[in-house]
Amino acid sequence: MAVKEQVSAMRRDSTIILVALFALSFTLTLYLGLQSHRAGQELDGIRQTVYQLRQAQAAEQSTANGFLNKLGEYGRTHPEFAQRMAKYQATNAPAATPAPKK
């Protein structure tokens, strides 16, 4: 009889452990799904911000290019100013950015 009671107790314990494992698995799946949803929403917000920043940068770049064009026109009529522009290499091309240091 002792063996049957031990087998019955082990069966009950294994059933309890199995149910607990399913509950834990479900909870973890639910949590990870929620985190994935939140990360997706955050990514959408970041994408919108990046888009707005790119639009602003494009507008500022066209303004800067227009300013450099006007400086170039002024330099063509004023040679002393053209020398200053040549000294500081003011052109219509965007300035080259140095490579990041490792």
C-alpha atoms as a PDB file:
ATOM      1  CA  MET A   1       0.000   0.000   0.000  1.00  0.00           C
ATOM      2  CA  ALA A   2       2.790   2.447   0.671  1.00  0.00           C
ATOM      3  CA  VAL A   3       4.002   2.240  -2.903  1.00  0.00           C
ATOM      4  CA  LYS A   4       0.511   2.965  -4.268  1.00  0.00           C
ATOM      5  CA  GLU A   5       0.214   5.996  -1.969  1.00  0.00           C
ATOM      6  CA  GLN A   6       3.619   7.255  -3.089  1.00  0.00           C
ATOM      7  CA  VAL A   7       2.686   6.821  -6.754  1.00  0.00           C
ATOM      8  CA  SER A   8      -0.601   8.628  -6.132  1.00  0.00           C
ATOM      9  CA  ALA A   9       1.193  11.481  -4.351  1.00  0.00           C
ATOM     10  CA  MET A  10       3.770  11.736  -7.134  1.00  0.00           C
ATOM     11  CA  ARG A  11       0.988  11.788  -9.748  1.00  0.00           C
ATOM     12  CA  ARG A  12      -0.813  14.567  -7.837  1.00  0.00           C
ATOM     13  CA  ASP A  13       2.432  16.549  -7.451  1.00  0.00           C
ATOM     14  CA  SER A  14       3.306  16.169 -11.133  1.00  0.00           C
ATOM     15  CA  THR A  15      -0.205  17.319 -12.098  1.00  0.00           C
ATOM     16  CA  ILE A  16       0.134  20.388  -9.846  1.00  0.00           C
ATOM     17  CA  ILE A  17       3.555  21.161 -11.319  1.00  0.00           C
ATOM     18  CA  LEU A  18       2.195  20.764 -14.858  1.00  0.00           C
ATOM     19  CA  VAL A  19      -0.735  23.129 -14.173  1.00  0.00           C
ATOM     20  CA  ALA A  20       1.665  25.643 -12.591  1.00  0.00           C
ATOM     21  CA  LEU A  21       3.945  25.362 -15.624  1.00  0.00           C
ATOM     22  CA  PHE A  22       1.036  26.067 -17.985  1.00  0.00           C
ATOM     23  CA  ALA A  23      -0.009  29.075 -15.887  1.00  0.00           C
ATOM     24  CA  LEU A  24       3.545  30.412 -15.852  1.00  0.00           C
ATOM     25  CA  SER A  25       3.902  29.856 -19.594  1.00  0.00           C
ATOM     26  CA  PHE A  26       0.619  31.655 -20.276  1.00  0.00           C
ATOM     27  CA  THR A  27       1.607  34.581 -18.043  1.00  0.00           C
ATOM     28  CA  LEU A  28       5.009  34.911 -19.700  1.00  0.00           C
ATOM     29  CA  THR A  29       3.458  34.745 -23.179  1.00  0.00           C
ATOM     30  CA  LEU A  30       0.941  37.422 -22.234  1.00  0.00           C
ATOM     31  CA  TYR A  31       3.669  39.663 -20.803  1.00  0.00           C
ATOM     32  CA  LEU A  32       5.920  39.297 -23.848  1.00  0.00           C
ATOM     33  CA  GLY A  33       2.993  39.994 -26.176  1.00  0.00           C
ATOM     34  CA  LEU A  34       2.186  43.159 -24.258  1.00  0.00           C
ATOM     35  CA  GLN A  35       5.813  44.294 -24.354  1.00  0.00           C
ATOM     36  CA  SER A  36       5.959  43.634 -28.092  1.00  0.00           C
ATOM     37  CA  HIS A  37       2.837  45.734 -28.630  1.00  0.00           C
ATOM     38  CA  ARG A  38       4.236  48.589 -26.550  1.00  0.00           C
ATOM     39  CA  ALA A  39       7.578  48.457 -28.375  1.00  0.00           C
ATOM     40  CA  GLY A  40       5.730  48.642 -31.698  1.00  0.00           C
ATOM     41  CA  GLN A  41       3.841  51.731 -30.563  1.00  0.00           C
ATOM     42  CA  GLU A  42       7.073  53.343 -29.377  1.00  0.00           C
ATOM     43  CA  LEU A  43       8.724  52.553 -32.706  1.00  0.00           C
ATOM     44  CA  ASP A  44       5.849  54.207 -34.565  1.00  0.00           C
ATOM     45  CA  GLY A  45       6.339  57.341 -32.468  1.00  0.00           C
ATOM     46  CA  ILE A  46      10.075  57.342 -33.115  1.00  0.00           C
ATOM     47  CA  ARG A  47       9.516  56.916 -36.862  1.00  0.00           C
ATOM     48  CA  GLN A  48       7.178  59.915 -36.865  1.00  0.00           C
ATOM     49  CA  THR A  49       9.750  62.006 -34.981  1.00  0.00           C
ATOM     50  CA  VAL A  50      12.512  60.981 -37.386  1.00  0.00           C
ATOM     51  CA  TYR A  51      10.299  61.907 -40.338  1.00  0.00           C
ATOM     52  CA  GLN A  52       9.639  65.347 -38.847  1.00  0.00           C
ATOM     53  CA  LEU A  53      13.340  65.878 -38.163  1.00  0.00           C
ATOM     54  CA  ARG A  54      14.225  64.927 -41.735  1.00  0.00           C
ATOM     55  CA  GLN A  55      11.643  67.381 -43.067  1.00  0.00           C
ATOM     56  CA  ALA A  56      13.049  70.154 -40.869  1.00  0.00           C
ATOM     57  CA  GLN A  57      16.617  69.314 -41.896  1.00  0.00           C
ATOM     58  CA  ALA A  58      15.660  69.426 -45.577  1.00  0.00           C
ATOM     59  CA  ALA A  59      14.046  72.840 -45.118  1.00  0.00           C
ATOM     60  CA  GLU A  60      17.083  74.167 -43.257  1.00  0.00           C
ATOM     61  CA  GLN A  61      19.428  72.712 -45.860  1.00  0.00           C
ATOM     62  CA  SER A  62      17.633  74.541 -48.670  1.00  0.00           C
ATOM     63  CA  THR A  63      17.800  77.770 -46.651  1.00  0.00           C
ATOM     64  CA  ALA A  64      21.537  77.288 -46.052  1.00  0.00           C
ATOM     65  CA  ASN A  65      22.129  76.554 -49.733  1.00  0.00           C
ATOM     66  CA  GLY A  66      20.206  79.689 -50.673  1.00  0.00           C
ATOM     67  CA  PHE A  67      22.333  81.733 -48.289  1.00  0.00           C
ATOM     68  CA  LEU A  68      25.545  80.303 -49.761  1.00  0.00           C
ATOM     69  CA  ASN A  69      24.285  81.059 -53.271  1.00  0.00           C
ATOM     70  CA  LYS A  70      23.686  84.674 -52.277  1.00  0.00           C
ATOM     71  CA  LEU A  71      27.148  84.850 -50.747  1.00  0.00           C
ATOM     72  CA  GLY A  72      28.584  83.477 -54.001  1.00  0.00           C
ATOM     73  CA  GLU A  73      26.757  86.136 -56.015  1.00  0.00           C
ATOM     74  CA  TYR A  74      28.039  88.807 -53.659  1.00  0.00           C
ATOM     75  CA  GLY A  75      31.560  87.398 -53.962  1.00  0.00           C
ATOM     76  CA  ARG A  76      31.424  87.654 -57.758  1.00  0.00           C
ATOM     77  CA  THR A  77      30.808  91.386 -57.543  1.00  0.00           C
ATOM     78  CA  HIS A  78      33.151  92.004 -54.595  1.00  0.00           C
ATOM     79  CA  PRO A  79      36.569  90.386 -55.140  1.00  0.00           C
ATOM     80  CA  GLU A  80      37.777  91.052 -51.582  1.00  0.00           C
ATOM     81  CA  PHE A  81      34.848  89.043 -50.263  1.00  0.00           C
ATOM     82  CA  ALA A  82      35.494  86.290 -52.813  1.00  0.00           C
ATOM     83  CA  GLN A  83      38.987  85.918 -51.345  1.00  0.00           C
ATOM     84  CA  ARG A  84      37.489  85.414 -47.875  1.00  0.00           C
ATOM     85  CA  MET A  85      35.068  82.841 -49.217  1.00  0.00           C
ATOM     86  CA  ALA A  86      37.915  80.997 -50.929  1.00  0.00           C
ATOM     87  CA  LYS A  87      39.920  81.103 -47.699  1.00  0.00           C
ATOM     88  CA  TYR A  88      37.118  79.459 -45.720  1.00  0.00           C
ATOM     89  CA  GLN A  89      36.054  77.239 -48.624  1.00  0.00           C
ATOM     90  CA  ALA A  90      32.441  78.378 -48.561  1.00  0.00           C
ATOM     91  CA  THR A  91      30.686  76.506 -51.371  1.00  0.00           C
ATOM     92  CA  ASN A  92      27.204  75.281 -52.114  1.00  0.00           C
ATOM     93  CA  ALA A  93      28.182  71.704 -51.341  1.00  0.00           C
ATOM     94  CA  PRO A  94      27.310  70.454 -47.873  1.00  0.00           C
ATOM     95  CA  ALA A  95      30.248  70.177 -45.527  1.00  0.00           C
ATOM     96  CA  ALA A  96      31.837  66.762 -45.312  1.00  0.00           C
ATOM     97  CA  THR A  97      31.472  65.120 -41.943  1.00  0.00           C
ATOM     98  CA  PRO A  98      34.486  63.298 -40.565  1.00  0.00           C
ATOM     99  CA  ALA A  99      34.281  59.539 -40.140  1.00  0.00           C
ATOM    100  CA  PRO A 100      33.424  58.441 -36.593  1.00  0.00           C
ATOM    101  CA  LYS A 101      36.447  57.490 -34.512  1.00  0.00           C
ATOM    102  CA  LYS A 102      36.602  53.930 -33.218  1.00  0.00           C
END
